[in-house]
Amino acid sequence: MDSLAIFFAEYFIYFLVAGAILFFFLIKGKNRLKYLILSGFSVILSRIAITELIRLIWHRPRPFLIHRVNQLLEHGAEGSFP
């Protein structure tokens, strides 16, 4: 189970990016640029604006800071997303 968790935490992002690139090339016609701009805007909006705003409002410590855990991956001590 640890290996599966490490795989998803470390490497699964590469599969997601490859799937997004493949999806972009499968879209035909002039809508391709529109989908690229809209998806890029939504990623920026959700990651930068919404996520960081919630982190500023609601601080929640990472579990390894308050509990004794077997940490599989190194991570900074900044707040955990609620």
Protein backbone atom coordinates (compact mmCIF):
# COMPACT_ATOMS: atom_id res chain seq x y z
CA MET A 1 0.00 0.00 0.00
CA ASP A 2 2.93 2.34 0.72
CA SER A 3 4.28 1.88 -2.80
CA LEU A 4 0.91 2.73 -4.30
CA ALA A 5 0.65 5.90 -2.19
CA ILE A 6 4.16 6.96 -3.20
CA PHE A 7 3.36 6.32 -6.87
CA PHE A 8 0.26 8.52 -6.80
CA ALA A 9 1.97 11.26 -4.79
CA GLU A 10 5.16 11.39 -6.86
CA TYR A 11 4.52 10.09 -10.37
CA PHE A 12 0.82 10.15 -11.23
CA ILE A 13 1.01 13.84 -12.17
CA TYR A 14 3.02 12.85 -15.25
CA PHE A 15 0.18 10.61 -16.43
CA LEU A 16 -2.31 13.43 -15.87
CA VAL A 17 -0.21 15.88 -17.88
CA ALA A 18 0.23 13.34 -20.69
CA GLY A 19 -3.54 12.75 -20.71
CA ALA A 20 -4.20 16.50 -20.90
CA ILE A 21 -1.78 16.87 -23.82
CA LEU A 22 -3.35 13.89 -25.58
CA PHE A 23 -6.82 15.34 -25.00
CA PHE A 24 -5.68 18.66 -26.47
CA PHE A 25 -4.41 16.98 -29.65
CA LEU A 26 -7.59 14.92 -30.02
CA ILE A 27 -9.76 18.06 -30.14
CA LYS A 28 -10.40 18.96 -33.76
CA GLY A 29 -11.08 22.32 -35.34
CA LYS A 30 -10.94 25.88 -34.19
CA ASN A 31 -12.26 25.08 -30.69
CA ARG A 32 -8.82 23.76 -29.73
CA LEU A 33 -7.44 27.18 -28.76
CA LYS A 34 -10.62 28.05 -26.86
CA TYR A 35 -10.36 24.84 -24.78
CA LEU A 36 -6.68 25.47 -24.10
CA ILE A 37 -7.29 29.02 -22.89
CA LEU A 38 -10.30 28.06 -20.78
CA SER A 39 -8.58 25.10 -19.17
CA GLY A 40 -5.44 27.13 -18.47
CA PHE A 41 -7.49 29.92 -16.92
CA SER A 42 -9.43 27.48 -14.74
CA VAL A 43 -6.22 25.85 -13.49
CA ILE A 44 -4.69 29.21 -12.63
CA LEU A 45 -7.88 30.41 -10.95
CA SER A 46 -8.34 27.27 -8.86
CA ARG A 47 -4.70 26.82 -7.86
CA ILE A 48 -3.61 30.36 -7.21
CA ALA A 49 -6.74 32.24 -6.25
CA ILE A 50 -9.10 29.83 -4.53
CA THR A 51 -6.62 27.47 -2.88
CA GLU A 52 -4.38 30.20 -1.50
CA LEU A 53 -7.36 32.22 -0.29
CA ILE A 54 -8.64 29.25 1.70
CA ARG A 55 -5.16 28.63 3.13
CA LEU A 56 -4.99 32.22 4.35
CA ILE A 57 -8.38 32.01 6.03
CA TRP A 58 -8.15 28.53 7.57
CA HIS A 59 -4.82 27.33 8.96
CA ARG A 60 -4.60 23.60 9.54
CA PRO A 61 -1.29 21.96 10.56
CA ARG A 62 0.04 18.98 8.69
CA PRO A 63 -0.71 15.64 10.42
CA PHE A 64 2.96 14.79 10.88
CA LEU A 65 3.41 17.95 12.96
CA ILE A 66 0.88 16.98 15.61
CA HIS A 67 0.89 13.17 15.41
CA ARG A 68 3.58 10.54 15.26
CA VAL A 69 3.41 9.09 11.74
CA ASN A 70 5.50 7.04 9.33
CA GLN A 71 6.19 9.75 6.75
CA LEU A 72 6.66 8.26 3.28
CA LEU A 73 7.59 11.48 1.48
CA GLU A 74 9.42 14.58 2.65
CA HIS A 75 7.19 17.63 2.87
CA GLY A 76 7.46 21.15 4.22
CA ALA A 77 5.73 22.17 7.43
CA GLU A 78 3.39 24.73 5.81
CA GLY A 79 -0.33 24.42 6.40
CA SER A 80 -2.39 21.54 5.15
CA PHE A 81 -5.25 22.26 2.76
CA PRO A 82 -8.57 21.74 4.57
